[in-house]
């Protein structure tokens, strides 16, 4: 019998950790840019991983900034894997890091915003994208995080990386999306959900599907502030997993509709 995934557990299934604000691109409009780089101390991360593992967290998702610029990124992956957790890393692909212990999955982020920043850095975006996906797929499952702006871009990038990525996560452009071709999008991805993952914000806007952020996961930033998701403003200071999870589940704000309650 297939087990049904529950979203009322007394603990999160996933914790997203924004390790550092440091980044090797200067993307206009980035949510995570800071005037001065900050990061979570490695010793504190080890303490958190102990607590997460004991509390039943299954997945650690590492991001930033650019997480491969975090000085102890190898140690973070190794410590999480040692505790039996699934590890995913999201990178812009510029820094092709050689992990001593490979994460289970690497996501390469890509959008028009990234393309412009890569060109300003005097690099060729598609060549960098192809090189990054080829580099990381040698040791980990590889995915693409693509911010959706138009169907032609999605089709082109999908075809360009057809044999190089296991899946494509399609993300809503934020803070405001001008995309309206929802029926065309869902016709395109069809039933191939193994290849195409749809982010919660996009599904909520396009189909009115209740978001599970804050019901299955939460996010911690470099100041140890916890969010329902990294796109919302309301935050609480991380104390313990049990206490913070209870407070996260009370947060109702949403970038798609601030008055919408979690459903």
C-alpha atoms as a PDB file:
ATOM      1  CA  UNK A   1       0.000   0.000   0.000  1.00  0.00           C
ATOM      2  CA  UNK A   2       1.328   3.441  -0.925  1.00  0.00           C
ATOM      3  CA  UNK A   3       1.848   5.719   2.079  1.00  0.00           C
ATOM      4  CA  UNK A   4       0.229   9.140   1.883  1.00  0.00           C
ATOM      5  CA  UNK A   5       2.517  12.049   2.679  1.00  0.00           C
ATOM      6  CA  UNK A   6       1.264  13.979   5.687  1.00  0.00           C
ATOM      7  CA  UNK A   7       1.624  17.720   6.201  1.00  0.00           C
ATOM      8  CA  UNK A   8       0.636  17.849   9.853  1.00  0.00           C
ATOM      9  CA  UNK A   9       3.760  16.324  11.353  1.00  0.00           C
ATOM     10  CA  UNK A  10       5.183  17.780  14.584  1.00  0.00           C
ATOM     11  CA  UNK A  11       8.428  18.486  12.714  1.00  0.00           C
ATOM     12  CA  UNK A  12       9.449  19.760   9.267  1.00  0.00           C
ATOM     13  CA  UNK A  13      10.484  17.300   6.600  1.00  0.00           C
ATOM     14  CA  UNK A  14      12.949  19.794   5.084  1.00  0.00           C
ATOM     15  CA  UNK A  15      15.008  22.716   6.350  1.00  0.00           C
ATOM     16  CA  UNK A  16      16.417  25.237   3.869  1.00  0.00           C
ATOM     17  CA  UNK A  17      19.644  26.792   5.121  1.00  0.00           C
ATOM     18  CA  UNK A  18      20.897  30.023   3.539  1.00  0.00           C
ATOM     19  CA  UNK A  19      24.557  29.533   4.427  1.00  0.00           C
ATOM     20  CA  UNK A  20      25.989  32.824   3.179  1.00  0.00           C
ATOM     21  CA  UNK A  21      25.081  36.084   1.480  1.00  0.00           C
ATOM     22  CA  UNK A  22      28.347  36.000  -0.510  1.00  0.00           C
ATOM     23  CA  UNK A  23      27.846  35.606  -4.264  1.00  0.00           C
ATOM     24  CA  UNK A  24      30.004  35.706  -7.400  1.00  0.00           C
ATOM     25  CA  UNK A  25      27.227  37.281  -9.504  1.00  0.00           C
ATOM     26  CA  UNK A  26      25.561  40.667  -9.179  1.00  0.00           C
ATOM     27  CA  UNK A  27      22.002  39.936 -10.271  1.00  0.00           C
ATOM     28  CA  UNK A  28      19.734  42.981 -10.369  1.00  0.00           C
ATOM     29  CA  UNK A  29      16.638  42.336  -8.287  1.00  0.00           C
ATOM     30  CA  UNK A  30      18.068  39.434  -6.279  1.00  0.00           C
ATOM     31  CA  UNK A  31      16.141  38.759  -3.052  1.00  0.00           C
ATOM     32  CA  UNK A  32      19.242  37.713  -1.149  1.00  0.00           C
ATOM     33  CA  UNK A  33      21.744  40.486  -1.835  1.00  0.00           C
ATOM     34  CA  UNK A  34      23.361  42.186   1.184  1.00  0.00           C
ATOM     35  CA  UNK A  35      25.755  45.102   1.472  1.00  0.00           C
ATOM     36  CA  UNK A  36      28.154  42.991   3.526  1.00  0.00           C
ATOM     37  CA  UNK A  37      28.586  39.237   3.289  1.00  0.00           C
ATOM     38  CA  UNK A  38      27.356  37.265   6.298  1.00  0.00           C
ATOM     39  CA  UNK A  39      27.276  33.546   7.006  1.00  0.00           C
ATOM     40  CA  UNK A  40      26.187  30.987   9.595  1.00  0.00           C
ATOM     41  CA  UNK A  41      29.213  29.862  11.658  1.00  0.00           C
ATOM     42  CA  UNK A  42      30.143  26.267  10.869  1.00  0.00           C
ATOM     43  CA  UNK A  43      30.122  25.256  14.535  1.00  0.00           C
ATOM     44  CA  UNK A  44      26.524  26.465  14.805  1.00  0.00           C
ATOM     45  CA  UNK A  45      25.552  24.544  11.691  1.00  0.00           C
ATOM     46  CA  UNK A  46      26.898  21.322  13.206  1.00  0.00           C
ATOM     47  CA  UNK A  47      24.805  21.945  16.324  1.00  0.00           C
ATOM     48  CA  UNK A  48      21.730  22.562  14.180  1.00  0.00           C
ATOM     49  CA  UNK A  49      22.308  19.398  12.151  1.00  0.00           C
ATOM     50  CA  UNK A  50      22.458  17.369  15.376  1.00  0.00           C
ATOM     51  CA  UNK A  51      19.150  18.859  16.473  1.00  0.00           C
ATOM     52  CA  UNK A  52      17.541  18.401  13.054  1.00  0.00           C
ATOM     53  CA  UNK A  53      18.610  14.769  12.796  1.00  0.00           C
ATOM     54  CA  UNK A  54      17.359  14.000  16.306  1.00  0.00           C
ATOM     55  CA  UNK A  55      14.107  15.821  15.479  1.00  0.00           C
ATOM     56  CA  UNK A  56      13.371  13.762  12.368  1.00  0.00           C
ATOM     57  CA  UNK A  57      14.263  16.229   9.593  1.00  0.00           C
ATOM     58  CA  UNK A  58      14.834  14.233   6.384  1.00  0.00           C
ATOM     59  CA  UNK A  59      16.292  16.784   3.950  1.00  0.00           C
ATOM     60  CA  UNK A  60      18.705  19.702   4.163  1.00  0.00           C
ATOM     61  CA  UNK A  61      18.624  22.167   1.260  1.00  0.00           C
ATOM     62  CA  UNK A  62      21.694  24.429   1.103  1.00  0.00           C
ATOM     63  CA  UNK A  63      21.544  27.807  -0.589  1.00  0.00           C
ATOM     64  CA  UNK A  64      22.748  31.380  -0.273  1.00  0.00           C
ATOM     65  CA  UNK A  65      23.927  33.711  -1.751  1.00  0.00           C
ATOM     66  CA  UNK A  66      26.158  31.230  -3.483  1.00  0.00           C
ATOM     67  CA  UNK A  67      26.641  28.231  -1.149  1.00  0.00           C
ATOM     68  CA  UNK A  68      29.802  26.962  -2.863  1.00  0.00           C
ATOM     69  CA  UNK A  69      31.513  30.155  -1.609  1.00  0.00           C
ATOM     70  CA  UNK A  70      30.832  29.132   1.985  1.00  0.00           C
ATOM     71  CA  UNK A  71      34.285  28.161   3.351  1.00  0.00           C
ATOM     72  CA  UNK A  72      33.073  24.957   5.037  1.00  0.00           C
ATOM     73  CA  UNK A  73      30.591  23.810   2.383  1.00  0.00           C
ATOM     74  CA  UNK A  74      32.249  20.381   2.179  1.00  0.00           C
ATOM     75  CA  UNK A  75      32.008  19.996   5.926  1.00  0.00           C
ATOM     76  CA  UNK A  76      28.316  20.926   5.947  1.00  0.00           C
ATOM     77  CA  UNK A  77      27.476  18.350   3.265  1.00  0.00           C
ATOM     78  CA  UNK A  78      29.585  15.687   4.974  1.00  0.00           C
ATOM     79  CA  UNK A  79      28.060  16.315   8.413  1.00  0.00           C
ATOM     80  CA  UNK A  80      24.496  16.233   7.054  1.00  0.00           C
ATOM     81  CA  UNK A  81      25.130  13.030   5.091  1.00  0.00           C
ATOM     82  CA  UNK A  82      26.746  11.432   8.142  1.00  0.00           C
ATOM     83  CA  UNK A  83      23.492  12.007  10.007  1.00  0.00           C
ATOM     84  CA  UNK A  84      21.506  10.234   7.305  1.00  0.00           C
ATOM     85  CA  UNK A  85      19.921  13.304   5.740  1.00  0.00           C
ATOM     86  CA  UNK A  86      19.303  13.894   2.030  1.00  0.00           C
ATOM     87  CA  UNK A  87      21.328  16.910   0.887  1.00  0.00           C
ATOM     88  CA  UNK A  88      20.484  19.288  -1.958  1.00  0.00           C
ATOM     89  CA  UNK A  89      22.597  22.282  -3.013  1.00  0.00           C
ATOM     90  CA  UNK A  90      21.400  25.191  -5.175  1.00  0.00           C
ATOM     91  CA  UNK A  91      24.137  27.027  -7.103  1.00  0.00           C
ATOM     92  CA  UNK A  92      24.418  29.556  -9.911  1.00  0.00           C
ATOM     93  CA  UNK A  93      27.003  27.280 -11.528  1.00  0.00           C
ATOM     94  CA  UNK A  94      29.789  29.842 -11.878  1.00  0.00           C
ATOM     95  CA  UNK A  95      31.989  28.171  -9.281  1.00  0.00           C
ATOM     96  CA  UNK A  96      32.294  24.485 -10.263  1.00  0.00           C
ATOM     97  CA  UNK A  97      33.007  23.130  -6.841  1.00  0.00           C
ATOM     98  CA  UNK A  98      34.578  19.702  -6.292  1.00  0.00           C
ATOM     99  CA  UNK A  99      32.684  18.301  -3.307  1.00  0.00           C
ATOM    100  CA  UNK A 100      34.688  15.912  -1.152  1.00  0.00           C
ATOM    101  CA  UNK A 101      31.401  14.162  -0.351  1.00  0.00           C
ATOM    102  CA  UNK A 102      28.902  14.807  -3.142  1.00  0.00           C
ATOM    103  CA  UNK A 103      25.399  16.039  -2.253  1.00  0.00           C
ATOM    104  CA  UNK A 104      22.481  13.891  -3.353  1.00  0.00           C
ATOM    105  CA  UNK A 105      21.230  16.597  -5.712  1.00  0.00           C
ATOM    106  CA  UNK A 106      22.598  19.813  -7.204  1.00  0.00           C
ATOM    107  CA  UNK A 107      20.247  22.437  -8.629  1.00  0.00           C
ATOM    108  CA  UNK A 108      21.668  25.020 -11.034  1.00  0.00           C
ATOM    109  CA  UNK A 109      19.683  28.286 -11.036  1.00  0.00           C
ATOM    110  CA  UNK A 110      19.071  30.048 -14.340  1.00  0.00           C
ATOM    111  CA  UNK A 111      16.969  32.958 -15.567  1.00  0.00           C
ATOM    112  CA  UNK A 112      17.174  36.105 -17.654  1.00  0.00           C
ATOM    113  CA  UNK A 113      18.441  37.804 -14.510  1.00  0.00           C
ATOM    114  CA  UNK A 114      21.321  35.303 -14.298  1.00  0.00           C
ATOM    115  CA  UNK A 115      22.053  35.653 -18.017  1.00  0.00           C
ATOM    116  CA  UNK A 116      22.468  39.414 -17.699  1.00  0.00           C
ATOM    117  CA  UNK A 117      24.749  39.099 -14.674  1.00  0.00           C
ATOM    118  CA  UNK A 118      26.867  36.418 -16.363  1.00  0.00           C
ATOM    119  CA  UNK A 119      27.306  38.628 -19.428  1.00  0.00           C
ATOM    120  CA  UNK A 120      28.354  41.536 -17.213  1.00  0.00           C
ATOM    121  CA  UNK A 121      30.987  39.200 -15.781  1.00  0.00           C
ATOM    122  CA  UNK A 122      32.176  38.655 -19.394  1.00  0.00           C
ATOM    123  CA  UNK A 123      31.089  35.032 -19.479  1.00  0.00           C
ATOM    124  CA  UNK A 124      28.850  33.247 -21.970  1.00  0.00           C
ATOM    125  CA  UNK A 125      25.631  32.178 -20.194  1.00  0.00           C
ATOM    126  CA  UNK A 126      24.773  29.034 -22.177  1.00  0.00           C
ATOM    127  CA  UNK A 127      28.355  27.793 -22.185  1.00  0.00           C
ATOM    128  CA  UNK A 128      28.513  28.292 -18.417  1.00  0.00           C
ATOM    129  CA  UNK A 129      25.166  26.549 -17.923  1.00  0.00           C
ATOM    130  CA  UNK A 130      26.186  23.546 -20.007  1.00  0.00           C
ATOM    131  CA  UNK A 131      29.550  23.283 -18.269  1.00  0.00           C
ATOM    132  CA  UNK A 132      28.014  23.495 -14.804  1.00  0.00           C
ATOM    133  CA  UNK A 133      25.398  20.812 -15.438  1.00  0.00           C
ATOM    134  CA  UNK A 134      27.983  18.500 -16.991  1.00  0.00           C
ATOM    135  CA  UNK A 135      30.335  19.061 -14.047  1.00  0.00           C
ATOM    136  CA  UNK A 136      27.855  18.286 -11.273  1.00  0.00           C
ATOM    137  CA  UNK A 137      26.022  15.415 -12.949  1.00  0.00           C
ATOM    138  CA  UNK A 138      29.163  13.279 -12.707  1.00  0.00           C
ATOM    139  CA  UNK A 139      28.541  12.639  -8.994  1.00  0.00           C
ATOM    140  CA  UNK A 140      25.043  13.898  -8.117  1.00  0.00           C
ATOM    141  CA  UNK A 141      21.559  14.017  -9.529  1.00  0.00           C
ATOM    142  CA  UNK A 142      21.250  17.292 -11.367  1.00  0.00           C
ATOM    143  CA  UNK A 143      18.332  19.678 -11.714  1.00  0.00           C
ATOM    144  CA  UNK A 144      17.696  23.125 -13.147  1.00  0.00           C
ATOM    145  CA  UNK A 145      15.857  25.888 -11.298  1.00  0.00           C
ATOM    146  CA  UNK A 146      14.331  28.002 -14.074  1.00  0.00           C
ATOM    147  CA  UNK A 147      12.458  31.227 -13.360  1.00  0.00           C
ATOM    148  CA  UNK A 148       9.510  31.269 -15.741  1.00  0.00           C
ATOM    149  CA  UNK A 149       9.207  34.384 -17.921  1.00  0.00           C
ATOM    150  CA  UNK A 150       7.884  33.015 -21.234  1.00  0.00           C
ATOM    151  CA  UNK A 151       7.226  29.674 -22.894  1.00  0.00           C
ATOM    152  CA  UNK A 152       9.800  30.159 -25.660  1.00  0.00           C
ATOM    153  CA  UNK A 153      12.561  30.446 -23.052  1.00  0.00           C
ATOM    154  CA  UNK A 154      11.333  27.349 -21.222  1.00  0.00           C
ATOM    155  CA  UNK A 155      11.208  25.309 -24.439  1.00  0.00           C
ATOM    156  CA  UNK A 156      14.653  26.468 -25.519  1.00  0.00           C
ATOM    157  CA  UNK A 157      16.408  25.757 -22.213  1.00  0.00           C
ATOM    158  CA  UNK A 158      14.564  22.460 -21.837  1.00  0.00           C
ATOM    159  CA  UNK A 159      15.761  21.339 -25.251  1.00  0.00           C
ATOM    160  CA  UNK A 160      19.276  22.658 -24.674  1.00  0.00           C
ATOM    161  CA  UNK A 161      19.614  20.583 -21.485  1.00  0.00           C
ATOM    162  CA  UNK A 162      17.468  17.628 -22.546  1.00  0.00           C
ATOM    163  CA  UNK A 163      20.060  14.955 -21.757  1.00  0.00           C
ATOM    164  CA  UNK A 164      21.965  16.877 -19.083  1.00  0.00           C
ATOM    165  CA  UNK A 165      19.457  17.382 -16.260  1.00  0.00           C
ATOM    166  CA  UNK A 166      17.197  14.924 -14.451  1.00  0.00           C
ATOM    167  CA  UNK A 167      14.486  17.487 -13.806  1.00  0.00           C
ATOM    168  CA  UNK A 168      13.535  21.131 -14.197  1.00  0.00           C
ATOM    169  CA  UNK A 169      11.980  23.075 -11.343  1.00  0.00           C
ATOM    170  CA  UNK A 170       9.820  25.836 -12.824  1.00  0.00           C
ATOM    171  CA  UNK A 171       9.753  28.887 -10.542  1.00  0.00           C
ATOM    172  CA  UNK A 172       7.463  31.893 -10.467  1.00  0.00           C
ATOM    173  CA  UNK A 173       9.095  35.239 -11.205  1.00  0.00           C
ATOM    174  CA  UNK A 174       9.024  37.356  -8.036  1.00  0.00           C
ATOM    175  CA  UNK A 175       7.988  39.744  -6.590  1.00  0.00           C
ATOM    176  CA  UNK A 176       5.673  40.181  -9.583  1.00  0.00           C
ATOM    177  CA  UNK A 177       5.105  37.842 -12.515  1.00  0.00           C
ATOM    178  CA  UNK A 178       3.781  38.923 -15.893  1.00  0.00           C
ATOM    179  CA  UNK A 179       3.387  35.350 -17.119  1.00  0.00           C
ATOM    180  CA  UNK A 180      -0.220  34.457 -18.018  1.00  0.00           C
ATOM    181  CA  UNK A 181       0.009  31.440 -20.357  1.00  0.00           C
ATOM    182  CA  UNK A 182      -0.881  28.933 -17.660  1.00  0.00           C
ATOM    183  CA  UNK A 183      -2.820  26.514 -19.862  1.00  0.00           C
ATOM    184  CA  UNK A 184       0.046  26.432 -22.363  1.00  0.00           C
ATOM    185  CA  UNK A 185       2.492  25.696 -19.547  1.00  0.00           C
ATOM    186  CA  UNK A 186       0.503  22.793 -18.117  1.00  0.00           C
ATOM    187  CA  UNK A 187      -0.146  21.389 -21.586  1.00  0.00           C
ATOM    188  CA  UNK A 188       3.593  21.479 -22.203  1.00  0.00           C
ATOM    189  CA  UNK A 189       4.649  19.666 -19.056  1.00  0.00           C
ATOM    190  CA  UNK A 190       1.770  17.191 -19.380  1.00  0.00           C
ATOM    191  CA  UNK A 191       1.973  14.280 -17.004  1.00  0.00           C
ATOM    192  CA  UNK A 192       5.768  14.159 -16.976  1.00  0.00           C
ATOM    193  CA  UNK A 193       6.093  15.132 -13.331  1.00  0.00           C
ATOM    194  CA  UNK A 194       9.346  13.223 -12.969  1.00  0.00           C
ATOM    195  CA  UNK A 195      11.031  15.807 -15.185  1.00  0.00           C
ATOM    196  CA  UNK A 196       9.075  18.960 -14.327  1.00  0.00           C
ATOM    197  CA  UNK A 197       8.628  20.185 -10.779  1.00  0.00           C
ATOM    198  CA  UNK A 198       6.398  23.213 -10.168  1.00  0.00           C
ATOM    199  CA  UNK A 199       7.184  25.529  -7.284  1.00  0.00           C
ATOM    200  CA  UNK A 200       4.553  26.253  -4.669  1.00  0.00           C
ATOM    201  CA  UNK A 201       4.147  29.953  -5.526  1.00  0.00           C
ATOM    202  CA  UNK A 202       3.437  29.145  -9.175  1.00  0.00           C
ATOM    203  CA  UNK A 203       0.900  26.452  -8.324  1.00  0.00           C
ATOM    204  CA  UNK A 204      -0.874  28.736  -5.880  1.00  0.00           C
ATOM    205  CA  UNK A 205      -1.179  31.545  -8.422  1.00  0.00           C
ATOM    206  CA  UNK A 206      -2.005  29.364 -11.424  1.00  0.00           C
ATOM    207  CA  UNK A 207      -4.224  26.718  -9.865  1.00  0.00           C
ATOM    208  CA  UNK A 208      -5.135  27.928  -6.387  1.00  0.00           C
ATOM    209  CA  UNK A 209      -3.334  24.954  -4.835  1.00  0.00           C
ATOM    210  CA  UNK A 210      -2.559  25.388  -1.151  1.00  0.00           C
ATOM    211  CA  UNK A 211       1.130  25.956  -0.424  1.00  0.00           C
ATOM    212  CA  UNK A 212       2.907  23.451   1.802  1.00  0.00           C
ATOM    213  CA  UNK A 213       5.707  25.860   2.770  1.00  0.00           C
ATOM    214  CA  UNK A 214       5.507  26.180   6.528  1.00  0.00           C
ATOM    215  CA  UNK A 215       3.675  22.855   6.647  1.00  0.00           C
ATOM    216  CA  UNK A 216       6.481  20.630   5.397  1.00  0.00           C
ATOM    217  CA  UNK A 217       9.512  22.940   5.495  1.00  0.00           C
ATOM    218  CA  UNK A 218      10.972  26.223   6.638  1.00  0.00           C
ATOM    219  CA  UNK A 219      14.008  28.392   5.955  1.00  0.00           C
ATOM    220  CA  UNK A 220      16.863  29.685   8.156  1.00  0.00           C
ATOM    221  CA  UNK A 221      19.003  32.622   7.073  1.00  0.00           C
ATOM    222  CA  UNK A 222      22.501  33.837   8.006  1.00  0.00           C
ATOM    223  CA  UNK A 223      21.192  35.643  11.111  1.00  0.00           C
ATOM    224  CA  UNK A 224      19.444  32.473  12.322  1.00  0.00           C
ATOM    225  CA  UNK A 225      16.072  33.991  11.546  1.00  0.00           C
ATOM    226  CA  UNK A 226      13.451  31.464  10.472  1.00  0.00           C
ATOM    227  CA  UNK A 227      10.881  32.060   7.706  1.00  0.00           C
ATOM    228  CA  UNK A 228       7.888  30.133   6.465  1.00  0.00           C
ATOM    229  CA  UNK A 229       9.684  30.388   3.107  1.00  0.00           C
ATOM    230  CA  UNK A 230      12.517  32.547   1.795  1.00  0.00           C
ATOM    231  CA  UNK A 231      10.072  34.798  -0.127  1.00  0.00           C
ATOM    232  CA  UNK A 232       8.129  36.043   2.909  1.00  0.00           C
ATOM    233  CA  UNK A 233       8.986  38.912   5.242  1.00  0.00           C
ATOM    234  CA  UNK A 234       7.651  37.575   8.540  1.00  0.00           C
ATOM    235  CA  UNK A 235      10.391  35.876  10.509  1.00  0.00           C
ATOM    236  CA  UNK A 236      11.105  34.528  13.984  1.00  0.00           C
ATOM    237  CA  UNK A 237      14.398  34.006  15.782  1.00  0.00           C
ATOM    238  CA  UNK A 238      15.418  30.343  15.700  1.00  0.00           C
ATOM    239  CA  UNK A 239      15.495  28.866  19.206  1.00  0.00           C
ATOM    240  CA  UNK A 240      14.831  25.139  19.142  1.00  0.00           C
ATOM    241  CA  UNK A 241      13.404  22.989  16.351  1.00  0.00           C
ATOM    242  CA  UNK A 242      10.208  22.220  18.267  1.00  0.00           C
ATOM    243  CA  UNK A 243       9.549  25.793  19.374  1.00  0.00           C
ATOM    244  CA  UNK A 244      10.497  27.394  16.068  1.00  0.00           C
ATOM    245  CA  UNK A 245       8.402  24.921  14.075  1.00  0.00           C
ATOM    246  CA  UNK A 246       5.358  25.736  16.206  1.00  0.00           C
ATOM    247  CA  UNK A 247       5.844  29.474  15.612  1.00  0.00           C
ATOM    248  CA  UNK A 248       6.477  29.008  11.869  1.00  0.00           C
ATOM    249  CA  UNK A 249       3.165  27.195  11.511  1.00  0.00           C
ATOM    250  CA  UNK A 250       1.370  30.259  12.865  1.00  0.00           C
ATOM    251  CA  UNK A 251       2.726  32.555  10.109  1.00  0.00           C
ATOM    252  CA  UNK A 252       0.076  33.338   7.502  1.00  0.00           C
ATOM    253  CA  UNK A 253       1.675  35.905   5.181  1.00  0.00           C
ATOM    254  CA  UNK A 254       2.331  35.006   1.551  1.00  0.00           C
ATOM    255  CA  UNK A 255       4.009  36.831  -1.332  1.00  0.00           C
ATOM    256  CA  UNK A 256       1.206  35.730  -3.668  1.00  0.00           C
ATOM    257  CA  UNK A 257      -1.604  36.943  -1.446  1.00  0.00           C
ATOM    258  CA  UNK A 258      -0.736  38.372   1.988  1.00  0.00           C
ATOM    259  CA  UNK A 259      -4.265  37.772   3.277  1.00  0.00           C
ATOM    260  CA  UNK A 260      -4.413  34.119   2.249  1.00  0.00           C
ATOM    261  CA  UNK A 261      -4.309  31.639   5.092  1.00  0.00           C
ATOM    262  CA  UNK A 262      -2.276  28.459   4.865  1.00  0.00           C
ATOM    263  CA  UNK A 263      -4.510  25.662   3.603  1.00  0.00           C
END
